[in-house]
Amino acid sequence: RAVELRVGDVAAAERWYAETLGVSVQDGVVTLGRAGQ
């Protein structure tokens, strides 16, 4: 169902995942296409 991973900063994590995976972030949710969220 879910895997919890600790990060140091939510905003920084949003930026990193968005830039690395080329995905959009809205309301704290990163959409990964077929890979889920």
Full PDB file with SEQRES, HELIX, SHEET, SSBOND, CRYST1, ORIGX, SCALE, CONECT and MASTER records, all heavy atoms in Angstrom:
SEQRES   1 A   37  ARG ALA VAL GLU LEU ARG VAL GLY ASP VAL ALA ALA ALA          
SEQRES   2 A   37  GLU ARG TRP TYR ALA GLU THR LEU GLY VAL SER VAL GLN          
SEQRES   3 A   37  ASP GLY VAL VAL THR LEU GLY ARG ALA GLY GLN                  
HELIX    1 AA1 VAL A   10  LEU A   21  1                                  12    
HELIX    2 AA2 GLY A   33  ALA A   35  5                                   3    
SHEET    1 AA1 2 VAL A  25  GLN A  26  0                                        
SHEET    2 AA1 2 VAL A  29  VAL A  30 -1                                        
CRYST1    1.000    1.000    1.000  90.00  90.00  90.00 P 1           1          
ORIGX1      1.000000  0.000000  0.000000        0.00000                         
ORIGX2      0.000000  1.000000  0.000000        0.00000                         
ORIGX3      0.000000  0.000000  1.000000        0.00000                         
SCALE1      1.000000  0.000000  0.000000        0.00000                         
SCALE2      0.000000  1.000000  0.000000        0.00000                         
SCALE3      0.000000  0.000000  1.000000        0.00000                         
ATOM      1  N   ARG A   1       0.819  -1.213   0.000  1.00  0.00           N  
ATOM      2  CA  ARG A   1       0.000   0.000   0.000  1.00  0.00           C  
ATOM      3  C   ARG A   1       0.853   1.264   0.000  1.00  0.00           C  
ATOM      4  O   ARG A   1       0.612   2.193  -0.759  1.00  0.00           O  
ATOM      5  CB  ARG A   1      -0.923  -0.005   1.229  1.00  0.00           C  
ATOM      6  CG  ARG A   1      -1.707   1.292   1.441  1.00  0.00           C  
ATOM      7  CD  ARG A   1      -2.562   1.632   0.244  1.00  0.00           C  
ATOM      8  NE  ARG A   1      -3.235   2.914   0.432  1.00  0.00           N  
ATOM      9  CZ  ARG A   1      -3.751   3.631  -0.547  1.00  0.00           C  
ATOM     10  NH1 ARG A   1      -3.654   3.199  -1.789  1.00  0.00           N  
ATOM     11  NH2 ARG A   1      -4.369   4.765  -0.311  1.00  0.00           N  
ATOM     12  N   ALA A   2       1.860   1.315   0.868  1.00  0.00           N  
ATOM     13  CA  ALA A   2       2.649   2.540   0.961  1.00  0.00           C  
ATOM     14  C   ALA A   2       4.000   2.260   1.590  1.00  0.00           C  
ATOM     15  O   ALA A   2       4.156   1.326   2.376  1.00  0.00           O  
ATOM     16  CB  ALA A   2       1.908   3.600   1.778  1.00  0.00           C  
ATOM     17  N   VAL A   3       4.973   3.079   1.210  1.00  0.00           N  
ATOM     18  CA  VAL A   3       6.296   3.045   1.821  1.00  0.00           C  
ATOM     19  C   VAL A   3       6.603   4.456   2.300  1.00  0.00           C  
ATOM     20  O   VAL A   3       6.495   5.403   1.528  1.00  0.00           O  
ATOM     21  CB  VAL A   3       7.367   2.589   0.810  1.00  0.00           C  
ATOM     22  CG1 VAL A   3       8.746   2.669   1.435  1.00  0.00           C  
ATOM     23  CG2 VAL A   3       7.081   1.172   0.340  1.00  0.00           C  
ATOM     24  N   GLU A   4       6.950   4.606   3.575  1.00  0.00           N  
ATOM     25  CA  GLU A   4       7.225   5.932   4.114  1.00  0.00           C  
ATOM     26  C   GLU A   4       8.721   6.182   4.122  1.00  0.00           C  
ATOM     27  O   GLU A   4       9.493   5.370   4.629  1.00  0.00           O  
ATOM     28  CB  GLU A   4       6.670   6.044   5.534  1.00  0.00           C  
ATOM     29  CG  GLU A   4       6.867   7.432   6.128  1.00  0.00           C  
ATOM     30  CD  GLU A   4       6.176   7.568   7.477  1.00  0.00           C  
ATOM     31  OE1 GLU A   4       4.933   7.521   7.520  1.00  0.00           O  
ATOM     32  OE2 GLU A   4       6.896   7.707   8.479  1.00  0.00           O  
ATOM     33  N   LEU A   5       9.106   7.304   3.542  1.00  0.00           N  
ATOM     34  CA  LEU A   5      10.514   7.672   3.448  1.00  0.00           C  
ATOM     35  C   LEU A   5      10.711   9.048   4.063  1.00  0.00           C  
ATOM     36  O   LEU A   5       9.990   9.988   3.734  1.00  0.00           O  
ATOM     37  CB  LEU A   5      10.963   7.705   1.976  1.00  0.00           C  
ATOM     38  CG  LEU A   5      10.700   6.441   1.162  1.00  0.00           C  
ATOM     39  CD1 LEU A   5      11.059   6.673  -0.296  1.00  0.00           C  
ATOM     40  CD2 LEU A   5      11.505   5.284   1.714  1.00  0.00           C  
ATOM     41  N   ARG A   6      11.691   9.182   4.939  1.00  0.00           N  
ATOM     42  CA  ARG A   6      11.938  10.470   5.590  1.00  0.00           C  
ATOM     43  C   ARG A   6      12.765  11.379   4.689  1.00  0.00           C  
ATOM     44  O   ARG A   6      13.727  10.943   4.075  1.00  0.00           O  
ATOM     45  CB  ARG A   6      12.662  10.267   6.921  1.00  0.00           C  
ATOM     46  CG  ARG A   6      11.805   9.566   7.960  1.00  0.00           C  
ATOM     47  CD  ARG A   6      12.438   9.633   9.332  1.00  0.00           C  
ATOM     48  NE  ARG A   6      11.612   8.973  10.315  1.00  0.00           N  
ATOM     49  CZ  ARG A   6      10.568   9.544  10.910  1.00  0.00           C  
ATOM     50  NH1 ARG A   6      10.239  10.786  10.622  1.00  0.00           N  
ATOM     51  NH2 ARG A   6       9.851   8.879  11.789  1.00  0.00           N  
ATOM     52  N   VAL A   7      12.382  12.631   4.655  1.00  0.00           N  
ATOM     53  CA  VAL A   7      13.152  13.655   3.949  1.00  0.00           C  
ATOM     54  C   VAL A   7      13.320  14.842   4.893  1.00  0.00           C  
ATOM     55  O   VAL A   7      12.645  14.951   5.905  1.00  0.00           O  
ATOM     56  CB  VAL A   7      12.454  14.112   2.638  1.00  0.00           C  
ATOM     57  CG1 VAL A   7      12.300  12.938   1.688  1.00  0.00           C  
ATOM     58  CG2 VAL A   7      11.114  14.753   2.921  1.00  0.00           C  
ATOM     59  N   GLY A   8      14.233  15.715   4.541  1.00  0.00           N  
ATOM     60  CA  GLY A   8      14.511  16.829   5.437  1.00  0.00           C  
ATOM     61  C   GLY A   8      13.573  18.012   5.291  1.00  0.00           C  
ATOM     62  O   GLY A   8      13.403  18.792   6.215  1.00  0.00           O  
ATOM     63  N   ASP A   9      12.944  18.133   4.122  1.00  0.00           N  
ATOM     64  CA  ASP A   9      12.145  19.320   3.841  1.00  0.00           C  
ATOM     65  C   ASP A   9      11.129  18.970   2.759  1.00  0.00           C  
ATOM     66  O   ASP A   9      11.491  18.512   1.676  1.00  0.00           O  
ATOM     67  CB  ASP A   9      13.068  20.450   3.372  1.00  0.00           C  
ATOM     68  CG  ASP A   9      12.336  21.753   3.124  1.00  0.00           C  
ATOM     69  OD1 ASP A   9      11.569  21.816   2.156  1.00  0.00           O  
ATOM     70  OD2 ASP A   9      12.558  22.698   3.892  1.00  0.00           O  
ATOM     71  N   VAL A  10       9.839  19.192   3.046  1.00  0.00           N  
ATOM     72  CA  VAL A  10       8.787  18.831   2.091  1.00  0.00           C  
ATOM     73  C   VAL A  10       8.925  19.619   0.796  1.00  0.00           C  
ATOM     74  O   VAL A  10       8.867  19.064  -0.306  1.00  0.00           O  
ATOM     75  CB  VAL A  10       7.391  19.063   2.705  1.00  0.00           C  
ATOM     76  CG1 VAL A  10       6.311  18.951   1.634  1.00  0.00           C  
ATOM     77  CG2 VAL A  10       7.126  18.060   3.806  1.00  0.00           C  
ATOM     78  N   ALA A  11       9.128  20.936   0.907  1.00  0.00           N  
ATOM     79  CA  ALA A  11       9.217  21.769  -0.291  1.00  0.00           C  
ATOM     80  C   ALA A  11      10.403  21.357  -1.149  1.00  0.00           C  
ATOM     81  O   ALA A  11      10.296  21.270  -2.391  1.00  0.00           O  
ATOM     82  CB  ALA A  11       9.323  23.247   0.097  1.00  0.00           C  
ATOM     83  N   ALA A  12      11.538  21.096  -0.495  1.00  0.00           N  
ATOM     84  CA  ALA A  12      12.725  20.660  -1.239  1.00  0.00           C  
ATOM     85  C   ALA A  12      12.471  19.309  -1.896  1.00  0.00           C  
ATOM     86  O   ALA A  12      12.904  19.056  -3.019  1.00  0.00           O  
ATOM     87  CB  ALA A  12      13.937  20.582  -0.306  1.00  0.00           C  
ATOM     88  N   ALA A  13      11.762  18.435  -1.193  1.00  0.00           N  
ATOM     89  CA  ALA A  13      11.447  17.117  -1.761  1.00  0.00           C  
ATOM     90  C   ALA A  13      10.540  17.258  -2.970  1.00  0.00           C  
ATOM     91  O   ALA A  13      10.712  16.575  -3.984  1.00  0.00           O  
ATOM     92  CB  ALA A  13      10.801  16.229  -0.700  1.00  0.00           C  
ATOM     93  N   GLU A  14       9.550  18.153  -2.873  1.00  0.00           N  
ATOM     94  CA  GLU A  14       8.659  18.396  -4.021  1.00  0.00           C  
ATOM     95  C   GLU A  14       9.460  18.830  -5.239  1.00  0.00           C  
ATOM     96  O   GLU A  14       9.261  18.319  -6.344  1.00  0.00           O  
ATOM     97  CB  GLU A  14       7.620  19.464  -3.671  1.00  0.00           C  
ATOM     98  CG  GLU A  14       6.567  19.010  -2.684  1.00  0.00           C  
ATOM     99  CD  GLU A  14       5.552  20.108  -2.409  1.00  0.00           C  
ATOM    100  OE1 GLU A  14       5.762  21.254  -2.896  1.00  0.00           O  
ATOM    101  OE2 GLU A  14       4.565  19.843  -1.715  1.00  0.00           O  
ATOM    102  N   ARG A  15      10.372  19.796  -5.018  1.00  0.00           N  
ATOM    103  CA  ARG A  15      11.169  20.301  -6.131  1.00  0.00           C  
ATOM    104  C   ARG A  15      12.048  19.199  -6.715  1.00  0.00           C  
ATOM    105  O   ARG A  15      12.150  19.044  -7.932  1.00  0.00           O  
ATOM    106  CB  ARG A  15      12.039  21.484  -5.673  1.00  0.00           C  
ATOM    107  CG  ARG A  15      11.248  22.757  -5.381  1.00  0.00           C  
ATOM    108  CD  ARG A  15      12.190  23.947  -5.247  1.00  0.00           C  
ATOM    109  NE  ARG A  15      13.154  23.760  -4.154  1.00  0.00           N  
ATOM    110  CZ  ARG A  15      12.903  24.123  -2.899  1.00  0.00           C  
ATOM    111  NH1 ARG A  15      11.742  24.652  -2.571  1.00  0.00           N  
ATOM    112  NH2 ARG A  15      13.833  23.944  -1.960  1.00  0.00           N  
ATOM    113  N   TRP A  16      12.696  18.416  -5.814  1.00  0.00           N  
ATOM    114  CA  TRP A  16      13.628  17.389  -6.298  1.00  0.00           C  
ATOM    115  C   TRP A  16      12.899  16.324  -7.105  1.00  0.00           C  
ATOM    116  O   TRP A  16      13.338  15.962  -8.186  1.00  0.00           O  
ATOM    117  CB  TRP A  16      14.356  16.743  -5.125  1.00  0.00           C  
ATOM    118  CG  TRP A  16      15.445  15.817  -5.581  1.00  0.00           C  
ATOM    119  CD1 TRP A  16      16.732  16.137  -5.873  1.00  0.00           C  
ATOM    120  CD2 TRP A  16      15.326  14.416  -5.832  1.00  0.00           C  
ATOM    121  NE1 TRP A  16      17.427  15.030  -6.289  1.00  0.00           N  
ATOM    122  CE2 TRP A  16      16.587  13.957  -6.281  1.00  0.00           C  
ATOM    123  CE3 TRP A  16      14.272  13.506  -5.736  1.00  0.00           C  
ATOM    124  CZ2 TRP A  16      16.813  12.630  -6.607  1.00  0.00           C  
ATOM    125  CZ3 TRP A  16      14.501  12.184  -6.073  1.00  0.00           C  
ATOM    126  CH2 TRP A  16      15.773  11.758  -6.503  1.00  0.00           C  
ATOM    127  N   TYR A  17      11.781  15.831  -6.582  1.00  0.00           N  
ATOM    128  CA  TYR A  17      11.050  14.786  -7.292  1.00  0.00           C  
ATOM    129  C   TYR A  17      10.459  15.316  -8.603  1.00  0.00           C  
ATOM    130  O   TYR A  17      10.428  14.615  -9.622  1.00  0.00           O  
ATOM    131  CB  TYR A  17       9.961  14.186  -6.406  1.00  0.00           C  
ATOM    132  CG  TYR A  17      10.500  13.131  -5.453  1.00  0.00           C  
ATOM    133  CD1 TYR A  17      10.882  13.455  -4.161  1.00  0.00           C  
ATOM    134  CD2 TYR A  17      10.657  11.822  -5.873  1.00  0.00           C  
ATOM    135  CE1 TYR A  17      11.390  12.501  -3.303  1.00  0.00           C  
ATOM    136  CE2 TYR A  17      11.166  10.848  -5.024  1.00  0.00           C  
ATOM    137  CZ  TYR A  17      11.533  11.194  -3.742  1.00  0.00           C  
ATOM    138  OH  TYR A  17      12.054  10.245  -2.896  1.00  0.00           O  
ATOM    139  N   ALA A  18      10.027  16.566  -8.584  1.00  0.00           N  
ATOM    140  CA  ALA A  18       9.484  17.140  -9.811  1.00  0.00           C  
ATOM    141  C   ALA A  18      10.560  17.296 -10.875  1.00  0.00           C  
ATOM    142  O   ALA A  18      10.358  16.944 -12.044  1.00  0.00           O  
ATOM    143  CB  ALA A  18       8.840  18.502  -9.513  1.00  0.00           C  
ATOM    144  N   GLU A  19      11.725  17.811 -10.468  1.00  0.00           N  
ATOM    145  CA  GLU A  19      12.801  18.027 -11.439  1.00  0.00           C  
ATOM    146  C   GLU A  19      13.420  16.717 -11.908  1.00  0.00           C  
ATOM    147  O   GLU A  19      13.748  16.558 -13.080  1.00  0.00           O  
ATOM    148  CB  GLU A  19      13.880  18.923 -10.800  1.00  0.00           C  
ATOM    149  CG  GLU A  19      13.404  20.352 -10.535  1.00  0.00           C  
ATOM    150  CD  GLU A  19      14.415  21.146  -9.724  1.00  0.00           C  
ATOM    151  OE1 GLU A  19      15.475  20.559  -9.385  1.00  0.00           O  
ATOM    152  OE2 GLU A  19      14.148  22.319  -9.418  1.00  0.00           O  
ATOM    153  N   THR A  20      13.575  15.750 -10.986  1.00  0.00           N  
ATOM    154  CA  THR A  20      14.226  14.491 -11.335  1.00  0.00           C  
ATOM    155  C   THR A  20      13.350  13.621 -12.219  1.00  0.00           C  
ATOM    156  O   THR A  20      13.813  13.009 -13.189  1.00  0.00           O  
ATOM    157  CB  THR A  20      14.606  13.712 -10.060  1.00  0.00           C  
ATOM    158  OG1 THR A  20      15.465  14.524  -9.268  1.00  0.00           O  
ATOM    159  CG2 THR A  20      15.316  12.408 -10.405  1.00  0.00           C  
ATOM    160  N   LEU A  21      12.048  13.552 -11.889  1.00  0.00           N  
ATOM    161  CA  LEU A  21      11.136  12.677 -12.620  1.00  0.00           C  
ATOM    162  C   LEU A  21      10.350  13.410 -13.700  1.00  0.00           C  
ATOM    163  O   LEU A  21       9.656  12.784 -14.499  1.00  0.00           O  
ATOM    164  CB  LEU A  21      10.157  12.008 -11.643  1.00  0.00           C  
ATOM    165  CG  LEU A  21      10.801  11.146 -10.554  1.00  0.00           C  
ATOM    166  CD1 LEU A  21       9.738  10.608  -9.614  1.00  0.00           C  
ATOM    167  CD2 LEU A  21      11.577   9.992 -11.174  1.00  0.00           C  
ATOM    168  N   GLY A  22      10.456  14.747 -13.724  1.00  0.00           N  
ATOM    169  CA  GLY A  22       9.732  15.507 -14.733  1.00  0.00           C  
ATOM    170  C   GLY A  22       8.231  15.455 -14.546  1.00  0.00           C  
ATOM    171  O   GLY A  22       7.467  15.363 -15.517  1.00  0.00           O  
ATOM    172  N   VAL A  23       7.781  15.474 -13.286  1.00  0.00           N  
ATOM    173  CA  VAL A  23       6.353  15.367 -12.988  1.00  0.00           C  
ATOM    174  C   VAL A  23       5.868  16.649 -12.319  1.00  0.00           C  
ATOM    175  O   VAL A  23       6.654  17.488 -11.888  1.00  0.00           O  
ATOM    176  CB  VAL A  23       6.077  14.160 -12.070  1.00  0.00           C  
ATOM    177  CG1 VAL A  23       6.404  12.858 -12.786  1.00  0.00           C  
ATOM    178  CG2 VAL A  23       6.884  14.263 -10.783  1.00  0.00           C  
ATOM    179  N   SER A  24       4.560  16.800 -12.239  1.00  0.00           N  
ATOM    180  CA  SER A  24       3.970  17.992 -11.624  1.00  0.00           C  
ATOM    181  C   SER A  24       3.576  17.707 -10.180  1.00  0.00           C  
ATOM    182  O   SER A  24       3.349  16.561  -9.796  1.00  0.00           O  
ATOM    183  CB  SER A  24       2.728  18.428 -12.401  1.00  0.00           C  
ATOM    184  OG  SER A  24       1.746  17.405 -12.382  1.00  0.00           O  
ATOM    185  N   VAL A  25       3.528  18.777  -9.386  1.00  0.00           N  
ATOM    186  CA  VAL A  25       3.141  18.669  -7.980  1.00  0.00           C  
ATOM    187  C   VAL A  25       1.983  19.612  -7.739  1.00  0.00           C  
ATOM    188  O   VAL A  25       2.033  20.794  -8.098  1.00  0.00           O  
ATOM    189  CB  VAL A  25       4.312  19.036  -7.042  1.00  0.00           C  
ATOM    190  CG1 VAL A  25       3.889  18.894  -5.591  1.00  0.00           C  
ATOM    191  CG2 VAL A  25       5.527  18.190  -7.336  1.00  0.00           C  
ATOM    192  N   GLN A  26       0.915  19.092  -7.143  1.00  0.00           N  
ATOM    193  CA  GLN A  26      -0.240  19.922  -6.832  1.00  0.00           C  
ATOM    194  C   GLN A  26      -0.799  19.500  -5.485  1.00  0.00           C  
ATOM    195  O   GLN A  26      -1.103  18.328  -5.263  1.00  0.00           O  
ATOM    196  CB  GLN A  26      -1.334  19.787  -7.905  1.00  0.00           C  
ATOM    197  CG  GLN A  26      -2.515  20.722  -7.679  1.00  0.00           C  
ATOM    198  CD  GLN A  26      -3.508  20.660  -8.826  1.00  0.00           C  
ATOM    199  OE1 GLN A  26      -3.330  19.905  -9.766  1.00  0.00           O  
ATOM    200  NE2 GLN A  26      -4.559  21.469  -8.740  1.00  0.00           N  
ATOM    201  N   ASP A  27      -0.911  20.478  -4.587  1.00  0.00           N  
ATOM    202  CA  ASP A  27      -1.438  20.215  -3.242  1.00  0.00           C  
ATOM    203  C   ASP A  27      -0.679  19.091  -2.530  1.00  0.00           C  
ATOM    204  O   ASP A  27      -1.259  18.246  -1.851  1.00  0.00           O  
ATOM    205  CB  ASP A  27      -2.937  19.869  -3.305  1.00  0.00           C  
ATOM    206  CG  ASP A  27      -3.772  21.015  -3.843  1.00  0.00           C  
ATOM    207  OD1 ASP A  27      -3.407  22.183  -3.589  1.00  0.00           O  
ATOM    208  OD2 ASP A  27      -4.775  20.748  -4.523  1.00  0.00           O  
ATOM    209  N   GLY A  28       0.635  19.086  -2.709  1.00  0.00           N  
ATOM    210  CA  GLY A  28       1.447  18.116  -2.010  1.00  0.00           C  
ATOM    211  C   GLY A  28       1.435  16.716  -2.587  1.00  0.00           C  
ATOM    212  O   GLY A  28       1.979  15.793  -1.989  1.00  0.00           O  
ATOM    213  N   VAL A  29       0.827  16.535  -3.765  1.00  0.00           N  
ATOM    214  CA  VAL A  29       0.765  15.217  -4.394  1.00  0.00           C  
ATOM    215  C   VAL A  29       1.572  15.243  -5.683  1.00  0.00           C  
ATOM    216  O   VAL A  29       1.349  16.077  -6.557  1.00  0.00           O  
ATOM    217  CB  VAL A  29      -0.686  14.795  -4.684  1.00  0.00           C  
ATOM    218  CG1 VAL A  29      -0.709  13.471  -5.457  1.00  0.00           C  
ATOM    219  CG2 VAL A  29      -1.464  14.653  -3.387  1.00  0.00           C  
ATOM    220  N   VAL A  30       2.535  14.318  -5.783  1.00  0.00           N  
ATOM    221  CA  VAL A  30       3.351  14.186  -6.977  1.00  0.00           C  
ATOM    222  C   VAL A  30       2.778  13.054  -7.817  1.00  0.00           C  
ATOM    223  O   VAL A  30       2.709  11.909  -7.364  1.00  0.00           O  
ATOM    224  CB  VAL A  30       4.819  13.872  -6.618  1.00  0.00           C  
ATOM    225  CG1 VAL A  30       5.670  13.769  -7.875  1.00  0.00           C  
ATOM    226  CG2 VAL A  30       5.376  14.937  -5.678  1.00  0.00           C  
ATOM    227  N   THR A  31       2.358  13.358  -9.035  1.00  0.00           N  
ATOM    228  CA  THR A  31       1.794  12.342  -9.915  1.00  0.00           C  
ATOM    229  C   THR A  31       2.893  11.734 -10.770  1.00  0.00           C  
ATOM    230  O   THR A  31       3.629  12.444 -11.454  1.00  0.00           O  
ATOM    231  CB  THR A  31       0.702  12.940 -10.825  1.00  0.00           C  
ATOM    232  OG1 THR A  31      -0.314  13.505  -9.997  1.00  0.00           O  
ATOM    233  CG2 THR A  31       0.090  11.867 -11.712  1.00  0.00           C  
ATOM    234  N   LEU A  32       2.991  10.394 -10.730  1.00  0.00           N  
ATOM    235  CA  LEU A  32       4.045   9.690 -11.454  1.00  0.00           C  
ATOM    236  C   LEU A  32       3.503   8.904 -12.638  1.00  0.00           C  
ATOM    237  O   LEU A  32       4.128   7.970 -13.108  1.00  0.00           O  
ATOM    238  CB  LEU A  32       4.774   8.725 -10.510  1.00  0.00           C  
ATOM    239  CG  LEU A  32       5.397   9.338  -9.257  1.00  0.00           C  
ATOM    240  CD1 LEU A  32       6.029   8.257  -8.407  1.00  0.00           C  
ATOM    241  CD2 LEU A  32       6.429  10.379  -9.633  1.00  0.00           C  
ATOM    242  N   GLY A  33       2.345   9.250 -13.110  1.00  0.00           N  
ATOM    243  CA  GLY A  33       1.772   8.515 -14.236  1.00  0.00           C  
ATOM    244  C   GLY A  33       1.410   7.109 -13.821  1.00  0.00           C  
ATOM    245  O   GLY A  33       0.819   6.879 -12.771  1.00  0.00           O  
ATOM    246  N   ARG A  34       1.800   6.127 -14.633  1.00  0.00           N  
ATOM    247  CA  ARG A  34       1.451   4.738 -14.334  1.00  0.00           C  
ATOM    248  C   ARG A  34       2.114   4.235 -13.066  1.00  0.00           C  
ATOM    249  O   ARG A  34       1.703   3.233 -12.491  1.00  0.00           O  
ATOM    250  CB  ARG A  34       1.860   3.832 -15.511  1.00  0.00           C  
ATOM    251  CG  ARG A  34       0.991   4.028 -16.743  1.00  0.00           C  
ATOM    252  CD  ARG A  34       1.289   2.956 -17.765  1.00  0.00           C  
ATOM    253  NE  ARG A  34       2.702   2.944 -18.135  1.00  0.00           N  
ATOM    254  CZ  ARG A  34       3.417   1.833 -18.302  1.00  0.00           C  
ATOM    255  NH1 ARG A  34       2.874   0.659 -18.097  1.00  0.00           N  
ATOM    256  NH2 ARG A  34       4.685   1.900 -18.666  1.00  0.00           N  
ATOM    257  N   ALA A  35       3.171   4.908 -12.614  1.00  0.00           N  
ATOM    258  CA  ALA A  35       3.883   4.458 -11.417  1.00  0.00           C  
ATOM    259  C   ALA A  35       3.140   4.785 -10.129  1.00  0.00           C  
ATOM    260  O   ALA A  35       3.525   4.346  -9.061  1.00  0.00           O  
ATOM    261  CB  ALA A  35       5.272   5.080 -11.377  1.00  0.00           C  
ATOM    262  N   GLY A  36       2.042   5.589 -10.209  1.00  0.00           N  
ATOM    263  CA  GLY A  36       1.280   5.910  -9.019  1.00  0.00           C  
ATOM    264  C   GLY A  36       1.548   7.321  -8.536  1.00  0.00           C  
ATOM    265  O   GLY A  36       1.749   8.230  -9.332  1.00  0.00           O  
ATOM    266  N   GLN A  37       1.522   7.514  -7.217  1.00  0.00           N  
ATOM    267  CA  GLN A  37       1.667   8.849  -6.655  1.00  0.00           C  
ATOM    268  C   GLN A  37       2.600   8.848  -5.448  1.00  0.00           C  
ATOM    269  O   GLN A  37       2.742   7.862  -4.750  1.00  0.00           O  
ATOM    270  CB  GLN A  37       0.301   9.385  -6.203  1.00  0.00           C  
ATOM    271  CG  GLN A  37      -0.684   9.636  -7.330  1.00  0.00           C  
ATOM    272  CD  GLN A  37      -1.983  10.189  -6.815  1.00  0.00           C  
ATOM    273  OE1 GLN A  37      -2.364   9.961  -5.674  1.00  0.00           O  
ATOM    274  NE2 GLN A  37      -2.665  10.942  -7.664  1.00  0.00           N  
TER     275      GLN A  37                                                      
MASTER        0    0    0    2    2    0    0    6  274    1    0    3          
END                                                                             
